[in-house]
Amino acid sequence: MWNGVVVAYIVVALCYFPVALIGCYVFGNSVEDNILISLEKPTWLIVAANLFVVIHVIGSYQIYAMPVFDMIESVLVKKLHFRPTITLRFISRNIYVAFTMFVAITFPFFGGLLGFFGGFAFAPTTYFLPCI
């Protein structure tokens, strides 16, 4: 089993390192937070990539936010004694989504912050704890 893990890490490294090195060679320090902004051609491919990013973010946001929704609704029902209705779920979830949207819009350096946390969490979640 350990040999399979080592081979998997080598394959992942062979996929990531050439992309990183070529990207550094081509763009250097002039790369934007969103790599698709740095690219110019072909336009149709950039539009398609942006579309897939939007689809990915919508899906992953739902997966990420579901435990938070559950926690908020549990607190509202158990501690604050609200009735568990569809209206409560609708209002609490929309308030949470509006709050996260407000935070994302408020920080002008949000892309850099995402890069920091992404780089910080990349090694643990990819190499050490891939089940997360």
N, C-alpha and C. Protein backbone atom coordinates (compact mmCIF):
# COMPACT_ATOMS: atom_id res chain seq x y z
N MET A 1 0.82 -1.19 0.00
CA MET A 1 0.00 0.00 0.00
C MET A 1 0.87 1.25 0.00
N TRP A 2 1.97 1.22 0.73
CA TRP A 2 2.85 2.39 0.78
C TRP A 2 3.41 2.71 -0.60
N ASN A 3 3.69 1.69 -1.40
CA ASN A 3 4.20 1.93 -2.76
C ASN A 3 3.17 2.68 -3.60
N GLY A 4 1.90 2.36 -3.42
CA GLY A 4 0.85 3.07 -4.14
C GLY A 4 0.78 4.53 -3.75
N VAL A 5 0.97 4.80 -2.46
CA VAL A 5 0.97 6.19 -1.99
C VAL A 5 2.14 6.95 -2.58
N VAL A 6 3.31 6.34 -2.58
CA VAL A 6 4.50 6.99 -3.14
C VAL A 6 4.31 7.27 -4.63
N VAL A 7 3.78 6.30 -5.35
CA VAL A 7 3.53 6.50 -6.78
C VAL A 7 2.51 7.61 -7.00
N ALA A 8 1.48 7.66 -6.18
CA ALA A 8 0.47 8.71 -6.31
C ALA A 8 1.08 10.08 -6.07
N TYR A 9 1.95 10.21 -5.07
CA TYR A 9 2.61 11.49 -4.81
C TYR A 9 3.52 11.89 -5.96
N ILE A 10 4.20 10.94 -6.53
CA ILE A 10 5.08 11.24 -7.67
C ILE A 10 4.25 11.70 -8.86
N VAL A 11 3.13 11.05 -9.11
CA VAL A 11 2.26 11.45 -10.22
C VAL A 11 1.71 12.85 -9.99
N VAL A 12 1.28 13.14 -8.77
CA VAL A 12 0.78 14.49 -8.46
C VAL A 12 1.88 15.52 -8.64
N ALA A 13 3.08 15.22 -8.18
CA ALA A 13 4.21 16.16 -8.34
C ALA A 13 4.53 16.35 -9.82
N LEU A 14 4.48 15.30 -10.61
CA LEU A 14 4.74 15.42 -12.05
C LEU A 14 3.67 16.24 -12.75
N CYS A 15 2.49 16.30 -12.20
CA CYS A 15 1.43 17.14 -12.78
C CYS A 15 1.56 18.59 -12.36
N TYR A 16 1.88 18.85 -11.10
CA TYR A 16 1.89 20.22 -10.57
C TYR A 16 3.17 20.98 -10.90
N PHE A 17 4.33 20.36 -10.73
CA PHE A 17 5.58 21.09 -10.88
C PHE A 17 5.82 21.64 -12.28
N PRO A 18 5.58 20.89 -13.36
CA PRO A 18 5.78 21.49 -14.69
C PRO A 18 4.87 22.70 -14.93
N VAL A 19 3.64 22.62 -14.48
CA VAL A 19 2.72 23.76 -14.65
C VAL A 19 3.24 24.96 -13.88
N ALA A 20 3.70 24.75 -12.66
CA ALA A 20 4.22 25.86 -11.85
C ALA A 20 5.48 26.45 -12.46
N LEU A 21 6.38 25.62 -12.91
CA LEU A 21 7.64 26.12 -13.48
C LEU A 21 7.41 26.85 -14.80
N ILE A 22 6.58 26.30 -15.66
CA ILE A 22 6.30 26.96 -16.94
C ILE A 22 5.54 28.25 -16.71
N GLY A 23 4.60 28.25 -15.78
CA GLY A 23 3.87 29.48 -15.46
C GLY A 23 4.79 30.55 -14.92
N CYS A 24 5.73 30.17 -14.07
CA CYS A 24 6.70 31.13 -13.54
C CYS A 24 7.61 31.65 -14.65
N TYR A 25 8.00 30.78 -15.56
CA TYR A 25 8.86 31.19 -16.67
C TYR A 25 8.14 32.15 -17.61
N VAL A 26 6.88 31.88 -17.92
CA VAL A 26 6.14 32.69 -18.89
C VAL A 26 5.68 34.01 -18.28
N PHE A 27 5.12 33.99 -17.08
CA PHE A 27 4.51 35.19 -16.51
C PHE A 27 5.38 35.88 -15.47
N GLY A 28 6.22 35.17 -14.77
CA GLY A 28 7.03 35.78 -13.72
C GLY A 28 6.17 36.32 -12.60
N ASN A 29 6.46 37.56 -12.19
CA ASN A 29 5.69 38.19 -11.11
C ASN A 29 4.48 38.95 -11.62
N SER A 30 4.28 38.99 -12.92
CA SER A 30 3.18 39.79 -13.48
C SER A 30 1.86 39.03 -13.55
N VAL A 31 1.80 37.85 -12.97
CA VAL A 31 0.57 37.07 -13.01
C VAL A 31 -0.46 37.68 -12.06
N GLU A 32 -1.72 37.67 -12.47
CA GLU A 32 -2.82 38.20 -11.66
C GLU A 32 -3.28 37.15 -10.65
N ASP A 33 -4.12 37.57 -9.70
CA ASP A 33 -4.70 36.61 -8.75
C ASP A 33 -5.47 35.52 -9.48
N ASN A 34 -6.24 35.93 -10.47
CA ASN A 34 -6.96 34.99 -11.32
C ASN A 34 -6.13 34.79 -12.58
N ILE A 35 -5.60 33.61 -12.78
CA ILE A 35 -4.70 33.35 -13.91
C ILE A 35 -5.38 33.60 -15.24
N LEU A 36 -6.71 33.48 -15.29
CA LEU A 36 -7.42 33.68 -16.55
C LEU A 36 -7.38 35.13 -17.00
N ILE A 37 -7.15 36.07 -16.07
CA ILE A 37 -7.01 37.48 -16.45
C ILE A 37 -5.69 37.71 -17.17
N SER A 38 -4.67 36.95 -16.82
CA SER A 38 -3.35 37.10 -17.45
C SER A 38 -3.33 36.58 -18.88
N LEU A 39 -4.21 35.67 -19.20
CA LEU A 39 -4.24 35.09 -20.55
C LEU A 39 -5.00 36.00 -21.50
N GLU A 40 -4.64 35.94 -22.78
CA GLU A 40 -5.31 36.77 -23.78
C GLU A 40 -5.99 35.96 -24.87
N LYS A 41 -5.40 34.85 -25.27
CA LYS A 41 -5.94 34.06 -26.37
C LYS A 41 -5.96 32.60 -25.96
N PRO A 42 -6.79 31.80 -26.51
CA PRO A 42 -7.99 32.05 -27.29
C PRO A 42 -9.15 32.48 -26.38
N THR A 43 -9.91 33.42 -26.84
CA THR A 43 -10.98 34.01 -26.04
C THR A 43 -12.04 32.98 -25.66
N TRP A 44 -12.41 32.12 -26.59
CA TRP A 44 -13.46 31.15 -26.32
C TRP A 44 -13.04 30.19 -25.20
N LEU A 45 -11.76 29.86 -25.14
CA LEU A 45 -11.27 28.95 -24.11
C LEU A 45 -11.27 29.62 -22.74
N ILE A 46 -10.94 30.91 -22.70
CA ILE A 46 -10.96 31.66 -21.44
C ILE A 46 -12.39 31.79 -20.93
N VAL A 47 -13.33 32.05 -21.84
CA VAL A 47 -14.74 32.14 -21.45
C VAL A 47 -15.23 30.79 -20.93
N ALA A 48 -14.86 29.71 -21.61
CA ALA A 48 -15.27 28.37 -21.16
C ALA A 48 -14.67 28.05 -19.79
N ALA A 49 -13.41 28.42 -19.58
CA ALA A 49 -12.77 28.17 -18.28
C ALA A 49 -13.46 28.96 -17.18
N ASN A 50 -13.81 30.22 -17.45
CA ASN A 50 -14.53 31.02 -16.46
C ASN A 50 -15.90 30.42 -16.15
N LEU A 51 -16.57 29.91 -17.17
CA LEU A 51 -17.86 29.26 -16.96
C LEU A 51 -17.72 28.04 -16.05
N PHE A 52 -16.69 27.24 -16.29
CA PHE A 52 -16.47 26.07 -15.45
C PHE A 52 -16.07 26.45 -14.03
N VAL A 53 -15.36 27.55 -13.87
CA VAL A 53 -15.03 28.04 -12.52
C VAL A 53 -16.31 28.41 -11.78
N VAL A 54 -17.22 29.10 -12.46
CA VAL A 54 -18.49 29.48 -11.83
C VAL A 54 -19.28 28.24 -11.43
N ILE A 55 -19.36 27.26 -12.31
CA ILE A 55 -20.08 26.02 -12.00
C ILE A 55 -19.44 25.32 -10.80
N HIS A 56 -18.12 25.27 -10.77
CA HIS A 56 -17.41 24.63 -9.66
C HIS A 56 -17.65 25.36 -8.34
N VAL A 57 -17.59 26.69 -8.37
CA VAL A 57 -17.78 27.46 -7.13
C VAL A 57 -19.20 27.31 -6.60
N ILE A 58 -20.18 27.31 -7.48
CA ILE A 58 -21.56 27.14 -7.03
C ILE A 58 -21.74 25.78 -6.35
N GLY A 59 -21.20 24.75 -6.95
CA GLY A 59 -21.32 23.42 -6.35
C GLY A 59 -20.54 23.26 -5.07
N SER A 60 -19.31 23.76 -5.05
CA SER A 60 -18.49 23.59 -3.85
C SER A 60 -18.98 24.47 -2.71
N TYR A 61 -19.57 25.62 -3.02
CA TYR A 61 -20.11 26.47 -1.96
C TYR A 61 -21.25 25.76 -1.24
N GLN A 62 -22.06 25.04 -1.98
CA GLN A 62 -23.15 24.29 -1.36
C GLN A 62 -22.62 23.23 -0.41
N ILE A 63 -21.57 22.54 -0.82
CA ILE A 63 -20.99 21.49 0.02
C ILE A 63 -20.34 22.10 1.26
N TYR A 64 -19.65 23.22 1.08
CA TYR A 64 -18.98 23.88 2.20
C TYR A 64 -20.00 24.46 3.18
N ALA A 65 -21.04 25.06 2.67
CA ALA A 65 -21.98 25.79 3.52
C ALA A 65 -22.99 24.90 4.23
N MET A 66 -23.19 23.68 3.78
CA MET A 66 -24.22 22.84 4.38
C MET A 66 -24.00 22.58 5.88
N PRO A 67 -22.78 22.27 6.35
CA PRO A 67 -22.60 22.12 7.80
C PRO A 67 -22.85 23.43 8.57
N VAL A 68 -22.50 24.55 7.95
CA VAL A 68 -22.75 25.84 8.60
C VAL A 68 -24.25 26.10 8.68
N PHE A 69 -24.97 25.81 7.60
CA PHE A 69 -26.42 25.94 7.63
C PHE A 69 -27.02 25.10 8.76
N ASP A 70 -26.56 23.87 8.86
CA ASP A 70 -27.07 22.96 9.89
C ASP A 70 -26.78 23.49 11.29
N MET A 71 -25.58 24.02 11.49
CA MET A 71 -25.22 24.56 12.80
C MET A 71 -26.08 25.78 13.14
N ILE A 72 -26.26 26.68 12.19
CA ILE A 72 -27.08 27.88 12.43
C ILE A 72 -28.51 27.48 12.75
N GLU A 73 -29.07 26.56 11.98
CA GLU A 73 -30.45 26.15 12.21
C GLU A 73 -30.60 25.41 13.54
N SER A 74 -29.59 24.62 13.92
CA SER A 74 -29.65 23.94 15.22
C SER A 74 -29.65 24.94 16.37
N VAL A 75 -28.82 25.96 16.27
CA VAL A 75 -28.78 26.99 17.32
C VAL A 75 -30.11 27.73 17.38
N LEU A 76 -30.64 28.08 16.22
CA LEU A 76 -31.91 28.81 16.21
C LEU A 76 -33.05 27.99 16.79
N VAL A 77 -33.08 26.70 16.50
CA VAL A 77 -34.18 25.85 16.96
C VAL A 77 -33.99 25.44 18.42
N LYS A 78 -32.79 24.98 18.79
CA LYS A 78 -32.60 24.43 20.13
C LYS A 78 -32.37 25.50 21.20
N LYS A 79 -31.58 26.50 20.88
CA LYS A 79 -31.24 27.49 21.91
C LYS A 79 -32.19 28.68 21.91
N LEU A 80 -32.60 29.12 20.73
CA LEU A 80 -33.47 30.30 20.66
C LEU A 80 -34.94 29.93 20.48
N HIS A 81 -35.23 28.64 20.41
CA HIS A 81 -36.59 28.10 20.40
C HIS A 81 -37.44 28.60 19.23
N PHE A 82 -36.83 28.69 18.04
CA PHE A 82 -37.61 28.94 16.83
C PHE A 82 -38.22 27.62 16.37
N ARG A 83 -39.33 27.72 15.64
CA ARG A 83 -39.92 26.52 15.06
C ARG A 83 -39.15 26.16 13.80
N PRO A 84 -38.85 24.88 13.58
CA PRO A 84 -38.09 24.47 12.38
C PRO A 84 -38.98 24.46 11.14
N THR A 85 -39.11 25.60 10.50
CA THR A 85 -39.96 25.72 9.31
C THR A 85 -39.10 26.01 8.09
N ILE A 86 -39.71 25.90 6.95
CA ILE A 86 -39.03 26.21 5.70
C ILE A 86 -38.68 27.69 5.64
N THR A 87 -39.53 28.53 6.21
CA THR A 87 -39.26 29.97 6.23
C THR A 87 -38.00 30.27 7.04
N LEU A 88 -37.82 29.60 8.17
CA LEU A 88 -36.62 29.78 8.98
C LEU A 88 -35.38 29.37 8.20
N ARG A 89 -35.45 28.23 7.52
CA ARG A 89 -34.32 27.77 6.72
C ARG A 89 -34.01 28.76 5.60
N PHE A 90 -35.03 29.23 4.93
CA PHE A 90 -34.84 30.17 3.82
C PHE A 90 -34.18 31.46 4.30
N ILE A 91 -34.70 32.02 5.38
CA ILE A 91 -34.17 33.30 5.87
C ILE A 91 -32.76 33.14 6.43
N SER A 92 -32.52 32.11 7.24
CA SER A 92 -31.20 31.94 7.84
C SER A 92 -30.14 31.65 6.79
N ARG A 93 -30.46 30.84 5.80
CA ARG A 93 -29.49 30.53 4.75
C ARG A 93 -29.21 31.74 3.87
N ASN A 94 -30.24 32.51 3.56
CA ASN A 94 -30.01 33.71 2.75
C ASN A 94 -29.20 34.76 3.50
N ILE A 95 -29.41 34.88 4.79
CA ILE A 95 -28.61 35.82 5.58
C ILE A 95 -27.14 35.38 5.59
N TYR A 96 -26.89 34.08 5.74
CA TYR A 96 -25.51 33.59 5.72
C TYR A 96 -24.86 33.83 4.36
N VAL A 97 -25.57 33.54 3.28
CA VAL A 97 -25.03 33.76 1.94
C VAL A 97 -24.76 35.25 1.72
N ALA A 98 -25.67 36.11 2.16
CA ALA A 98 -25.46 37.55 2.03
C ALA A 98 -24.25 37.99 2.84
N PHE A 99 -24.06 37.42 4.03
CA PHE A 99 -22.90 37.77 4.85
C PHE A 99 -21.60 37.36 4.18
N THR A 100 -21.54 36.13 3.65
CA THR A 100 -20.31 35.70 2.98
C THR A 100 -20.05 36.52 1.73
N MET A 101 -21.10 36.89 1.02
CA MET A 101 -20.93 37.75 -0.16
C MET A 101 -20.42 39.12 0.26
N PHE A 102 -20.94 39.67 1.35
CA PHE A 102 -20.49 40.97 1.85
C PHE A 102 -19.00 40.92 2.22
N VAL A 103 -18.59 39.85 2.89
CA VAL A 103 -17.18 39.71 3.26
C VAL A 103 -16.30 39.62 2.02
N ALA A 104 -16.74 38.86 1.02
CA ALA A 104 -15.95 38.72 -0.20
C ALA A 104 -15.84 40.03 -0.96
N ILE A 105 -16.89 40.83 -0.97
CA ILE A 105 -16.87 42.10 -1.69
C ILE A 105 -16.10 43.16 -0.90
N THR A 106 -16.16 43.10 0.41
CA THR A 106 -15.55 44.12 1.26
C THR A 106 -14.03 44.12 1.18
N PHE A 107 -13.42 42.95 1.13
CA PHE A 107 -11.96 42.87 1.12
C PHE A 107 -11.43 43.01 -0.30
N PRO A 108 -10.72 44.11 -0.62
CA PRO A 108 -10.18 44.25 -1.97
C PRO A 108 -9.01 43.30 -2.23
N PHE A 109 -8.40 42.80 -1.18
CA PHE A 109 -7.27 41.88 -1.31
C PHE A 109 -7.71 40.43 -1.11
N PHE A 110 -8.97 40.15 -1.40
CA PHE A 110 -9.52 38.82 -1.14
C PHE A 110 -8.81 37.75 -1.96
N GLY A 111 -8.40 38.08 -3.20
CA GLY A 111 -7.68 37.11 -4.02
C GLY A 111 -6.35 36.72 -3.40
N GLY A 112 -5.63 37.70 -2.87
CA GLY A 112 -4.38 37.40 -2.19
C GLY A 112 -4.58 36.61 -0.93
N LEU A 113 -5.66 36.91 -0.22
CA LEU A 113 -5.99 36.18 0.99
C LEU A 113 -6.34 34.73 0.66
N LEU A 114 -7.08 34.53 -0.42
CA LEU A 114 -7.39 33.17 -0.85
C LEU A 114 -6.13 32.42 -1.25
N GLY A 115 -5.22 33.13 -1.93
CA GLY A 115 -3.95 32.51 -2.30
C GLY A 115 -3.15 32.08 -1.08
N PHE A 116 -3.16 32.92 -0.05
CA PHE A 116 -2.44 32.59 1.19
C PHE A 116 -3.02 31.35 1.84
N PHE A 117 -4.34 31.35 2.04
CA PHE A 117 -4.97 30.21 2.70
C PHE A 117 -4.91 28.96 1.83
N GLY A 118 -5.01 29.13 0.52
CA GLY A 118 -4.88 27.99 -0.37
C GLY A 118 -3.49 27.38 -0.32
N GLY A 119 -2.47 28.24 -0.33
CA GLY A 119 -1.10 27.75 -0.21
C GLY A 119 -0.82 27.14 1.15
N PHE A 120 -1.42 27.72 2.18
CA PHE A 120 -1.25 27.22 3.53
C PHE A 120 -1.89 25.84 3.70
N ALA A 121 -3.03 25.63 3.06
CA ALA A 121 -3.77 24.38 3.23
C ALA A 121 -3.45 23.35 2.15
N PHE A 122 -2.69 23.72 1.12
CA PHE A 122 -2.44 22.81 0.00
C PHE A 122 -1.70 21.56 0.44
N ALA A 123 -0.57 21.73 1.12
CA ALA A 123 0.23 20.56 1.50
C ALA A 123 -0.51 19.64 2.47
N PRO A 124 -1.12 20.16 3.53
CA PRO A 124 -1.82 19.22 4.43
C PRO A 124 -2.96 18.46 3.76
N THR A 125 -3.75 19.16 2.95
CA THR A 125 -4.91 18.48 2.36
C THR A 125 -4.55 17.64 1.15
N THR A 126 -3.43 17.90 0.51
CA THR A 126 -3.07 17.13 -0.67
C THR A 126 -2.15 15.96 -0.32
N TYR A 127 -1.17 16.21 0.53
CA TYR A 127 -0.17 15.18 0.79
C TYR A 127 -0.38 14.46 2.12
N PHE A 128 -0.67 15.20 3.18
CA PHE A 128 -0.71 14.59 4.50
C PHE A 128 -2.08 14.02 4.84
N LEU A 129 -3.15 14.75 4.50
CA LEU A 129 -4.51 14.32 4.82
C LEU A 129 -5.38 14.36 3.57
N PRO A 130 -5.11 13.53 2.59
CA PRO A 130 -5.87 13.63 1.34
C PRO A 130 -7.35 13.28 1.48
N CYS A 131 -7.74 12.64 2.57
CA CYS A 131 -9.15 12.29 2.75
C CYS A 131 -10.00 13.52 3.04
N ILE A 132 -9.39 14.64 3.42
CA ILE A 132 -10.15 15.86 3.69
C ILE A 132 -10.48 16.48 2.37
